[in-house]
All heavy atoms as atom14 arrays in JSON, in Angstrom:
{
  "sequence": "FTGLNEIKPEMVQSATKEAREVALKFAKDSDSILGKIKQANQGQFS",
  "atom14_mask": [
    [1, 1, 1, 1, 1, 1, 1, 1, 1, 1, 1, 0, 0, 0],
    [1, 1, 1, 1, 1, 1, 1, 0, 0, 0, 0, 0, 0, 0],
    [1, 1, 1, 1, 0, 0, 0, 0, 0, 0, 0, 0, 0, 0],
    [1, 1, 1, 1, 1, 1, 1, 1, 0, 0, 0, 0, 0, 0],
    [1, 1, 1, 1, 1, 1, 1, 1, 0, 0, 0, 0, 0, 0],
    [1, 1, 1, 1, 1, 1, 1, 1, 1, 0, 0, 0, 0, 0],
    [1, 1, 1, 1, 1, 1, 1, 1, 0, 0, 0, 0, 0, 0],
    [1, 1, 1, 1, 1, 1, 1, 1, 1, 0, 0, 0, 0, 0],
    [1, 1, 1, 1, 1, 1, 1, 0, 0, 0, 0, 0, 0, 0],
    [1, 1, 1, 1, 1, 1, 1, 1, 1, 0, 0, 0, 0, 0],
    [1, 1, 1, 1, 1, 1, 1, 1, 0, 0, 0, 0, 0, 0],
    [1, 1, 1, 1, 1, 1, 1, 0, 0, 0, 0, 0, 0, 0],
    [1, 1, 1, 1, 1, 1, 1, 1, 1, 0, 0, 0, 0, 0],
    [1, 1, 1, 1, 1, 1, 0, 0, 0, 0, 0, 0, 0, 0],
    [1, 1, 1, 1, 1, 0, 0, 0, 0, 0, 0, 0, 0, 0],
    [1, 1, 1, 1, 1, 1, 1, 0, 0, 0, 0, 0, 0, 0],
    [1, 1, 1, 1, 1, 1, 1, 1, 1, 0, 0, 0, 0, 0],
    [1, 1, 1, 1, 1, 1, 1, 1, 1, 0, 0, 0, 0, 0],
    [1, 1, 1, 1, 1, 0, 0, 0, 0, 0, 0, 0, 0, 0],
    [1, 1, 1, 1, 1, 1, 1, 1, 1, 1, 1, 0, 0, 0],
    [1, 1, 1, 1, 1, 1, 1, 1, 1, 0, 0, 0, 0, 0],
    [1, 1, 1, 1, 1, 1, 1, 0, 0, 0, 0, 0, 0, 0],
    [1, 1, 1, 1, 1, 0, 0, 0, 0, 0, 0, 0, 0, 0],
    [1, 1, 1, 1, 1, 1, 1, 1, 0, 0, 0, 0, 0, 0],
    [1, 1, 1, 1, 1, 1, 1, 1, 1, 0, 0, 0, 0, 0],
    [1, 1, 1, 1, 1, 1, 1, 1, 1, 1, 1, 0, 0, 0],
    [1, 1, 1, 1, 1, 0, 0, 0, 0, 0, 0, 0, 0, 0],
    [1, 1, 1, 1, 1, 1, 1, 1, 1, 0, 0, 0, 0, 0],
    [1, 1, 1, 1, 1, 1, 1, 1, 0, 0, 0, 0, 0, 0],
    [1, 1, 1, 1, 1, 1, 0, 0, 0, 0, 0, 0, 0, 0],
    [1, 1, 1, 1, 1, 1, 1, 1, 0, 0, 0, 0, 0, 0],
    [1, 1, 1, 1, 1, 1, 0, 0, 0, 0, 0, 0, 0, 0],
    [1, 1, 1, 1, 1, 1, 1, 1, 0, 0, 0, 0, 0, 0],
    [1, 1, 1, 1, 1, 1, 1, 1, 0, 0, 0, 0, 0, 0],
    [1, 1, 1, 1, 0, 0, 0, 0, 0, 0, 0, 0, 0, 0],
    [1, 1, 1, 1, 1, 1, 1, 1, 1, 0, 0, 0, 0, 0],
    [1, 1, 1, 1, 1, 1, 1, 1, 0, 0, 0, 0, 0, 0],
    [1, 1, 1, 1, 1, 1, 1, 1, 1, 0, 0, 0, 0, 0],
    [1, 1, 1, 1, 1, 1, 1, 1, 1, 0, 0, 0, 0, 0],
    [1, 1, 1, 1, 1, 0, 0, 0, 0, 0, 0, 0, 0, 0],
    [1, 1, 1, 1, 1, 1, 1, 1, 0, 0, 0, 0, 0, 0],
    [1, 1, 1, 1, 1, 1, 1, 1, 1, 0, 0, 0, 0, 0],
    [1, 1, 1, 1, 0, 0, 0, 0, 0, 0, 0, 0, 0, 0],
    [1, 1, 1, 1, 1, 1, 1, 1, 1, 0, 0, 0, 0, 0],
    [1, 1, 1, 1, 1, 1, 1, 1, 1, 1, 1, 0, 0, 0],
    [1, 1, 1, 1, 1, 1, 0, 0, 0, 0, 0, 0, 0, 0]
  ],
  "atom14_positions": [
    [[-7.66, -19.2, -13.31], [-8.33, -18.72, -12.1], [-9.17, -17.52, -12.49], [-8.67, -16.54, -13.01], [-7.31, -18.32, -11.03], [-7.94, -17.69, -9.82], [-8.72, -18.45, -8.95], [-7.76, -16.34, -9.56], [-9.31, -17.87, -7.84], [-8.35, -15.76, -8.45], [-9.13, -16.52, -7.59], [0.0, 0.0, 0.0], [0.0, 0.0, 0.0], [0.0, 0.0, 0.0]],
    [[-10.49, -17.61, -12.27], [-11.41, -16.56, -12.71], [-12.03, -15.78, -11.56], [-12.92, -14.96, -11.78], [-12.54, -17.18, -13.56], [-13.28, -18.1, -12.76], [-11.96, -17.91, -14.77], [0.0, 0.0, 0.0], [0.0, 0.0, 0.0], [0.0, 0.0, 0.0], [0.0, 0.0, 0.0], [0.0, 0.0, 0.0], [0.0, 0.0, 0.0], [0.0, 0.0, 0.0]],
    [[-11.58, -16.03, -10.33], [-12.18, -15.36, -9.17], [-11.41, -14.15, -8.69], [-11.43, -13.83, -7.5], [0.0, 0.0, 0.0], [0.0, 0.0, 0.0], [0.0, 0.0, 0.0], [0.0, 0.0, 0.0], [0.0, 0.0, 0.0], [0.0, 0.0, 0.0], [0.0, 0.0, 0.0], [0.0, 0.0, 0.0], [0.0, 0.0, 0.0], [0.0, 0.0, 0.0]],
    [[-10.72, -13.46, -9.62], [-9.88, -12.32, -9.22], [-10.67, -11.21, -8.53], [-10.22, -10.64, -7.54], [-9.14, -11.78, -10.44], [-8.19, -10.61, -10.19], [-7.11, -10.99, -9.18], [-7.56, -10.14, -11.5], [0.0, 0.0, 0.0], [0.0, 0.0, 0.0], [0.0, 0.0, 0.0], [0.0, 0.0, 0.0], [0.0, 0.0, 0.0], [0.0, 0.0, 0.0]],
    [[-11.84, -10.9, -9.06], [-12.63, -9.8, -8.5], [-13.01, -10.02, -7.05], [-13.21, -9.06, -6.29], [-13.9, -9.56, -9.33], [-13.58, -8.93, -10.68], [-12.56, -8.28, -10.85], [-14.45, -9.14, -11.65], [0.0, 0.0, 0.0], [0.0, 0.0, 0.0], [0.0, 0.0, 0.0], [0.0, 0.0, 0.0], [0.0, 0.0, 0.0], [0.0, 0.0, 0.0]],
    [[-13.09, -11.27, -6.65], [-13.48, -11.58, -5.27], [-12.37, -11.31, -4.28], [-12.63, -11.01, -3.11], [-13.92, -13.04, -5.18], [-15.15, -13.37, -6.03], [-15.49, -14.85, -5.99], [-14.85, -15.57, -5.2], [-16.37, -15.28, -6.75], [0.0, 0.0, 0.0], [0.0, 0.0, 0.0], [0.0, 0.0, 0.0], [0.0, 0.0, 0.0], [0.0, 0.0, 0.0]],
    [[-11.12, -11.43, -4.7], [-10.0, -11.24, -3.77], [-9.27, -9.91, -3.97], [-8.37, -9.58, -3.21], [-8.99, -12.4, -3.89], [-8.36, -12.43, -5.29], [-9.66, -13.73, -3.6], [-7.25, -13.46, -5.42], [0.0, 0.0, 0.0], [0.0, 0.0, 0.0], [0.0, 0.0, 0.0], [0.0, 0.0, 0.0], [0.0, 0.0, 0.0], [0.0, 0.0, 0.0]],
    [[-9.68, -9.15, -4.98], [-9.01, -7.87, -5.26], [-9.02, -6.91, -4.07], [-7.96, -6.39, -3.7], [-9.66, -7.2, -6.47], [-8.94, -7.41, -7.78], [-9.58, -6.58, -8.88], [-8.82, -6.75, -10.19], [-9.43, -5.91, -11.26], [0.0, 0.0, 0.0], [0.0, 0.0, 0.0], [0.0, 0.0, 0.0], [0.0, 0.0, 0.0], [0.0, 0.0, 0.0]],
    [[-10.18, -6.61, -3.47], [-10.2, -5.63, -2.38], [-9.27, -5.99, -1.23], [-8.52, -5.13, -0.73], [-11.67, -5.63, -1.93], [-12.42, -6.11, -3.13], [-11.55, -7.12, -3.77], [0.0, 0.0, 0.0], [0.0, 0.0, 0.0], [0.0, 0.0, 0.0], [0.0, 0.0, 0.0], [0.0, 0.0, 0.0], [0.0, 0.0, 0.0], [0.0, 0.0, 0.0]],
    [[-9.28, -7.25, -0.82], [-8.44, -7.69, 0.28], [-6.95, -7.54, -0.07], [-6.14, -7.12, 0.76], [-8.75, -9.14, 0.63], [-7.88, -9.7, 1.76], [-8.13, -11.18, 1.99], [-9.11, -11.72, 1.41], [-7.36, -11.79, 2.73], [0.0, 0.0, 0.0], [0.0, 0.0, 0.0], [0.0, 0.0, 0.0], [0.0, 0.0, 0.0], [0.0, 0.0, 0.0]],
    [[-6.6, -7.89, -1.31], [-5.19, -7.81, -1.72], [-4.71, -6.37, -1.82], [-3.58, -6.05, -1.44], [-5.0, -8.54, -3.04], [-5.14, -10.04, -2.94], [-4.63, -10.9, -4.46], [-2.87, -10.53, -4.46], [0.0, 0.0, 0.0], [0.0, 0.0, 0.0], [0.0, 0.0, 0.0], [0.0, 0.0, 0.0], [0.0, 0.0, 0.0], [0.0, 0.0, 0.0]],
    [[-5.55, -5.48, -2.35], [-5.18, -4.07, -2.43], [-4.98, -3.49, -1.04], [-4.04, -2.74, -0.77], [-6.25, -3.27, -3.21], [-5.98, -1.77, -3.1], [-6.26, -3.69, -4.67], [0.0, 0.0, 0.0], [0.0, 0.0, 0.0], [0.0, 0.0, 0.0], [0.0, 0.0, 0.0], [0.0, 0.0, 0.0], [0.0, 0.0, 0.0], [0.0, 0.0, 0.0]],
    [[-5.88, -3.84, -0.12], [-5.76, -3.39, 1.26], [-4.46, -3.87, 1.89], [-3.76, -3.12, 2.58], [-6.96, -3.88, 2.08], [-6.95, -3.4, 3.52], [-8.16, -3.91, 4.3], [-8.96, -4.68, 3.79], [-8.3, -3.49, 5.54], [0.0, 0.0, 0.0], [0.0, 0.0, 0.0], [0.0, 0.0, 0.0], [0.0, 0.0, 0.0], [0.0, 0.0, 0.0]],
    [[-4.13, -5.12, 1.64], [-2.9, -5.69, 2.19], [-1.66, -5.02, 1.62], [-0.71, -4.71, 2.36], [-2.86, -7.2, 1.92], [-1.67, -7.77, 2.4], [0.0, 0.0, 0.0], [0.0, 0.0, 0.0], [0.0, 0.0, 0.0], [0.0, 0.0, 0.0], [0.0, 0.0, 0.0], [0.0, 0.0, 0.0], [0.0, 0.0, 0.0], [0.0, 0.0, 0.0]],
    [[-1.65, -4.77, 0.31], [-0.51, -4.12, -0.33], [-0.36, -2.68, 0.15], [0.76, -2.21, 0.39], [-0.68, -4.16, -1.85], [0.0, 0.0, 0.0], [0.0, 0.0, 0.0], [0.0, 0.0, 0.0], [0.0, 0.0, 0.0], [0.0, 0.0, 0.0], [0.0, 0.0, 0.0], [0.0, 0.0, 0.0], [0.0, 0.0, 0.0], [0.0, 0.0, 0.0]],
    [[-1.48, -1.98, 0.32], [-1.44, -0.6, 0.8], [-0.93, -0.54, 2.24], [-0.17, 0.36, 2.62], [-2.83, 0.04, 0.7], [-3.32, -0.06, -0.64], [-2.79, 1.5, 1.11], [0.0, 0.0, 0.0], [0.0, 0.0, 0.0], [0.0, 0.0, 0.0], [0.0, 0.0, 0.0], [0.0, 0.0, 0.0], [0.0, 0.0, 0.0], [0.0, 0.0, 0.0]],
    [[-1.33, -1.5, 3.06], [-0.87, -1.56, 4.44], [0.64, -1.77, 4.49], [1.34, -1.14, 5.28], [-1.58, -2.69, 5.18], [-1.17, -2.84, 6.64], [-1.91, -3.99, 7.3], [-1.46, -4.16, 8.75], [-2.16, -5.31, 9.4], [0.0, 0.0, 0.0], [0.0, 0.0, 0.0], [0.0, 0.0, 0.0], [0.0, 0.0, 0.0], [0.0, 0.0, 0.0]],
    [[1.13, -2.66, 3.65], [2.58, -2.9, 3.61], [3.33, -1.65, 3.16], [4.4, -1.32, 3.7], [2.91, -4.06, 2.68], [4.41, -4.38, 2.64], [4.74, -5.54, 1.74], [4.66, -6.69, 2.21], [5.08, -5.29, 0.57], [0.0, 0.0, 0.0], [0.0, 0.0, 0.0], [0.0, 0.0, 0.0], [0.0, 0.0, 0.0], [0.0, 0.0, 0.0]],
    [[2.78, -0.94, 2.18], [3.41, 0.29, 1.7], [3.48, 1.32, 2.82], [4.5, 2.01, 2.97], [2.63, 0.85, 0.51], [0.0, 0.0, 0.0], [0.0, 0.0, 0.0], [0.0, 0.0, 0.0], [0.0, 0.0, 0.0], [0.0, 0.0, 0.0], [0.0, 0.0, 0.0], [0.0, 0.0, 0.0], [0.0, 0.0, 0.0], [0.0, 0.0, 0.0]],
    [[2.43, 1.44, 3.62], [2.43, 2.41, 4.73], [3.48, 2.03, 5.77], [4.15, 2.9, 6.34], [1.05, 2.5, 5.35], [0.98, 3.49, 6.51], [-0.43, 3.79, 6.97], [-0.44, 4.72, 8.09], [-0.29, 6.04, 7.97], [-0.16, 6.57, 6.76], [-0.3, 6.82, 9.03], [0.0, 0.0, 0.0], [0.0, 0.0, 0.0], [0.0, 0.0, 0.0]],
    [[3.62, 0.75, 6.04], [4.62, 0.3, 7.01], [6.03, 0.67, 6.54], [6.88, 1.11, 7.33], [4.5, -1.2, 7.24], [3.23, -1.6, 7.97], [3.04, -3.11, 8.04], [3.86, -3.83, 7.42], [2.09, -3.57, 8.71], [0.0, 0.0, 0.0], [0.0, 0.0, 0.0], [0.0, 0.0, 0.0], [0.0, 0.0, 0.0], [0.0, 0.0, 0.0]],
    [[6.27, 0.52, 5.25], [7.58, 0.9, 4.69], [7.77, 2.41, 4.8], [8.86, 2.89, 5.17], [7.68, 0.45, 3.22], [8.97, 0.98, 2.58], [7.65, -1.06, 3.12], [0.0, 0.0, 0.0], [0.0, 0.0, 0.0], [0.0, 0.0, 0.0], [0.0, 0.0, 0.0], [0.0, 0.0, 0.0], [0.0, 0.0, 0.0], [0.0, 0.0, 0.0]],
    [[6.72, 3.19, 4.51], [6.8, 4.64, 4.58], [7.04, 5.11, 6.02], [7.82, 6.04, 6.25], [5.53, 5.26, 4.02], [0.0, 0.0, 0.0], [0.0, 0.0, 0.0], [0.0, 0.0, 0.0], [0.0, 0.0, 0.0], [0.0, 0.0, 0.0], [0.0, 0.0, 0.0], [0.0, 0.0, 0.0], [0.0, 0.0, 0.0], [0.0, 0.0, 0.0]],
    [[6.39, 4.49, 6.98], [6.57, 4.84, 8.38], [8.01, 4.6, 8.83], [8.6, 5.41, 9.56], [5.61, 4.04, 9.26], [4.15, 4.5, 9.24], [3.26, 3.47, 9.94], [4.01, 5.87, 9.92], [0.0, 0.0, 0.0], [0.0, 0.0, 0.0], [0.0, 0.0, 0.0], [0.0, 0.0, 0.0], [0.0, 0.0, 0.0], [0.0, 0.0, 0.0]],
    [[8.57, 3.51, 8.38], [9.97, 3.2, 8.74], [10.91, 4.22, 8.11], [11.86, 4.69, 8.74], [10.35, 1.79, 8.29], [11.74, 1.36, 8.74], [12.05, -0.06, 8.32], [13.37, -0.53, 8.92], [14.49, 0.4, 8.64], [0.0, 0.0, 0.0], [0.0, 0.0, 0.0], [0.0, 0.0, 0.0], [0.0, 0.0, 0.0], [0.0, 0.0, 0.0]],
    [[10.64, 4.58, 6.86], [11.47, 5.59, 6.2], [11.39, 6.93, 6.93], [12.41, 7.59, 7.14], [11.03, 5.76, 4.75], [11.8, 6.81, 4.0], [12.98, 6.49, 3.36], [11.35, 8.13, 3.96], [13.7, 7.46, 2.67], [12.07, 9.1, 3.29], [13.25, 8.77, 2.64], [0.0, 0.0, 0.0], [0.0, 0.0, 0.0], [0.0, 0.0, 0.0]],
    [[10.17, 7.31, 7.31], [10.0, 8.58, 8.02], [10.73, 8.57, 9.35], [11.38, 9.55, 9.72], [8.51, 8.83, 8.24], [0.0, 0.0, 0.0], [0.0, 0.0, 0.0], [0.0, 0.0, 0.0], [0.0, 0.0, 0.0], [0.0, 0.0, 0.0], [0.0, 0.0, 0.0], [0.0, 0.0, 0.0], [0.0, 0.0, 0.0], [0.0, 0.0, 0.0]],
    [[10.67, 7.45, 10.05], [11.36, 7.34, 11.33], [12.86, 7.43, 11.16], [13.55, 8.13, 11.9], [10.98, 6.02, 12.0], [11.64, 5.8, 13.35], [11.21, 4.48, 13.96], [11.91, 4.26, 15.3], [11.52, 2.94, 15.9], [0.0, 0.0, 0.0], [0.0, 0.0, 0.0], [0.0, 0.0, 0.0], [0.0, 0.0, 0.0], [0.0, 0.0, 0.0]],
    [[13.38, 6.72, 10.17], [14.82, 6.72, 9.92], [15.35, 8.07, 9.47], [16.54, 8.38, 9.65], [15.18, 5.66, 8.88], [14.93, 4.24, 9.37], [14.79, 4.06, 10.6], [14.85, 3.32, 8.54], [0.0, 0.0, 0.0], [0.0, 0.0, 0.0], [0.0, 0.0, 0.0], [0.0, 0.0, 0.0], [0.0, 0.0, 0.0], [0.0, 0.0, 0.0]],
    [[14.49, 8.88, 8.84], [14.9, 10.19, 8.34], [14.44, 11.33, 9.25], [14.47, 12.49, 8.84], [14.36, 10.4, 6.93], [12.94, 10.36, 6.93], [0.0, 0.0, 0.0], [0.0, 0.0, 0.0], [0.0, 0.0, 0.0], [0.0, 0.0, 0.0], [0.0, 0.0, 0.0], [0.0, 0.0, 0.0], [0.0, 0.0, 0.0], [0.0, 0.0, 0.0]],
    [[14.01, 10.98, 10.48], [13.53, 11.99, 11.45], [12.44, 12.87, 10.85], [12.45, 14.1, 10.99], [14.7, 12.86, 11.95], [15.71, 12.06, 12.75], [15.27, 11.14, 13.48], [16.92, 12.34, 12.65], [0.0, 0.0, 0.0], [0.0, 0.0, 0.0], [0.0, 0.0, 0.0], [0.0, 0.0, 0.0], [0.0, 0.0, 0.0], [0.0, 0.0, 0.0]],
    [[11.52, 12.26, 10.17], [10.4, 12.98, 9.57], [9.08, 12.44, 10.11], [9.04, 11.41, 10.79], [10.43, 12.85, 8.04], [11.65, 13.31, 7.5], [0.0, 0.0, 0.0], [0.0, 0.0, 0.0], [0.0, 0.0, 0.0], [0.0, 0.0, 0.0], [0.0, 0.0, 0.0], [0.0, 0.0, 0.0], [0.0, 0.0, 0.0], [0.0, 0.0, 0.0]],
    [[8.03, 13.18, 9.79], [6.68, 12.77, 10.17], [5.93, 12.41, 8.89], [5.92, 13.18, 7.93], [5.94, 13.88, 10.93], [6.69, 14.22, 12.22], [4.5, 13.45, 11.24], [6.09, 15.4, 12.95], [0.0, 0.0, 0.0], [0.0, 0.0, 0.0], [0.0, 0.0, 0.0], [0.0, 0.0, 0.0], [0.0, 0.0, 0.0], [0.0, 0.0, 0.0]],
    [[5.32, 11.24, 8.87], [4.58, 10.81, 7.7], [3.23, 11.51, 7.63], [2.47, 11.52, 8.6], [4.38, 9.29, 7.73], [3.82, 8.66, 6.45], [4.84, 8.79, 5.32], [3.48, 7.19, 6.68], [0.0, 0.0, 0.0], [0.0, 0.0, 0.0], [0.0, 0.0, 0.0], [0.0, 0.0, 0.0], [0.0, 0.0, 0.0], [0.0, 0.0, 0.0]],
    [[2.96, 12.09, 6.47], [1.71, 12.81, 6.3], [0.68, 12.01, 5.53], [0.71, 10.77, 5.49], [0.0, 0.0, 0.0], [0.0, 0.0, 0.0], [0.0, 0.0, 0.0], [0.0, 0.0, 0.0], [0.0, 0.0, 0.0], [0.0, 0.0, 0.0], [0.0, 0.0, 0.0], [0.0, 0.0, 0.0], [0.0, 0.0, 0.0], [0.0, 0.0, 0.0]],
    [[-0.21, 12.73, 4.87], [-1.28, 12.09, 4.12], [-0.76, 11.57, 2.77], [0.34, 11.9, 2.34], [-2.42, 13.09, 3.88], [-3.12, 13.54, 5.15], [-4.26, 14.49, 4.82], [-5.01, 14.91, 6.07], [-6.13, 15.84, 5.77], [0.0, 0.0, 0.0], [0.0, 0.0, 0.0], [0.0, 0.0, 0.0], [0.0, 0.0, 0.0], [0.0, 0.0, 0.0]],
    [[-1.6, 10.78, 2.12], [-1.27, 10.26, 0.79], [-1.42, 11.37, -0.23], [-2.45, 12.04, -0.29], [-2.17, 9.07, 0.42], [-1.89, 7.87, 1.35], [-1.96, 8.67, -1.03], [-2.8, 6.69, 1.1], [0.0, 0.0, 0.0], [0.0, 0.0, 0.0], [0.0, 0.0, 0.0], [0.0, 0.0, 0.0], [0.0, 0.0, 0.0], [0.0, 0.0, 0.0]],
    [[-0.39, 11.57, -1.05], [-0.48, 12.52, -2.15], [-1.14, 11.87, -3.35], [-2.04, 12.43, -3.96], [0.91, 13.03, -2.52], [0.88, 14.03, -3.67], [2.27, 14.5, -4.04], [2.22, 15.5, -5.19], [3.57, 15.96, -5.61], [0.0, 0.0, 0.0], [0.0, 0.0, 0.0], [0.0, 0.0, 0.0], [0.0, 0.0, 0.0], [0.0, 0.0, 0.0]],
    [[-0.69, 10.68, -3.69], [-1.3, 9.93, -4.77], [-0.95, 8.46, -4.62], [0.02, 8.11, -3.95], [-0.85, 10.45, -6.14], [0.63, 10.33, -6.4], [1.01, 10.86, -7.77], [0.16, 11.34, -8.51], [2.28, 10.79, -8.1], [0.0, 0.0, 0.0], [0.0, 0.0, 0.0], [0.0, 0.0, 0.0], [0.0, 0.0, 0.0], [0.0, 0.0, 0.0]],
    [[-1.75, 7.61, -5.24], [-1.54, 6.17, -5.14], [-1.86, 5.51, -6.47], [-2.74, 5.96, -7.2], [-2.4, 5.57, -4.03], [0.0, 0.0, 0.0], [0.0, 0.0, 0.0], [0.0, 0.0, 0.0], [0.0, 0.0, 0.0], [0.0, 0.0, 0.0], [0.0, 0.0, 0.0], [0.0, 0.0, 0.0], [0.0, 0.0, 0.0], [0.0, 0.0, 0.0]],
    [[-1.15, 4.44, -6.75], [-1.36, 3.67, -7.98], [-1.52, 2.21, -7.59], [-0.61, 1.61, -7.02], [-0.17, 3.86, -8.93], [-0.34, 3.1, -10.22], [-1.43, 2.57, -10.5], [0.69, 3.01, -11.0], [0.0, 0.0, 0.0], [0.0, 0.0, 0.0], [0.0, 0.0, 0.0], [0.0, 0.0, 0.0], [0.0, 0.0, 0.0], [0.0, 0.0, 0.0]],
    [[-2.68, 1.66, -7.89], [-2.97, 0.28, -7.5], [-2.04, -0.71, -8.18], [-1.63, -1.7, -7.59], [-4.41, -0.06, -7.88], [-4.77, -1.53, -7.66], [-6.18, -1.84, -8.12], [-7.13, -1.35, -7.54], [-6.31, -2.64, -9.16], [0.0, 0.0, 0.0], [0.0, 0.0, 0.0], [0.0, 0.0, 0.0], [0.0, 0.0, 0.0], [0.0, 0.0, 0.0]],
    [[-1.65, -0.47, -9.42], [-0.79, -1.41, -10.13], [-1.61, -2.49, -10.8], [-2.83, -2.6, -10.63], [0.0, 0.0, 0.0], [0.0, 0.0, 0.0], [0.0, 0.0, 0.0], [0.0, 0.0, 0.0], [0.0, 0.0, 0.0], [0.0, 0.0, 0.0], [0.0, 0.0, 0.0], [0.0, 0.0, 0.0], [0.0, 0.0, 0.0], [0.0, 0.0, 0.0]],
    [[-0.93, -3.34, -11.58], [-1.58, -4.4, -12.33], [-1.52, -5.72, -11.56], [-0.51, -6.06, -10.98], [-0.9, -4.58, -13.7], [-1.06, -3.38, -14.62], [-2.48, -3.19, -15.09], [-3.21, -4.15, -15.3], [-2.89, -1.94, -15.27], [0.0, 0.0, 0.0], [0.0, 0.0, 0.0], [0.0, 0.0, 0.0], [0.0, 0.0, 0.0], [0.0, 0.0, 0.0]],
    [[-2.64, -6.45, -11.62], [-2.66, -7.79, -11.04], [-2.06, -8.76, -12.05], [-2.26, -8.63, -13.26], [-4.09, -8.21, -10.72], [-4.61, -7.68, -9.41], [-5.14, -6.4, -9.33], [-4.55, -8.46, -8.26], [-5.6, -5.92, -8.12], [-5.02, -7.98, -7.04], [-5.55, -6.69, -6.98], [0.0, 0.0, 0.0], [0.0, 0.0, 0.0], [0.0, 0.0, 0.0]],
    [[-1.34, -9.73, -11.54], [-0.79, -10.79, -12.4], [-1.12, -12.14, -11.8], [-1.18, -12.3, -10.57], [0.74, -10.64, -12.54], [1.38, -10.81, -11.29], [0.0, 0.0, 0.0], [0.0, 0.0, 0.0], [0.0, 0.0, 0.0], [0.0, 0.0, 0.0], [0.0, 0.0, 0.0], [0.0, 0.0, 0.0], [0.0, 0.0, 0.0], [0.0, 0.0, 0.0]]
  ]
}
């Protein structure tokens, strides 16, 4: 499959959205408020 560059942006957006949902749940469970992103790592595509 050679069309990775075409789907990369959408996949990164989807993965980042899922990460935020997990962070929001953690913040809620720990009675905290979720702030801004300190740092992010896109990771490797496989």
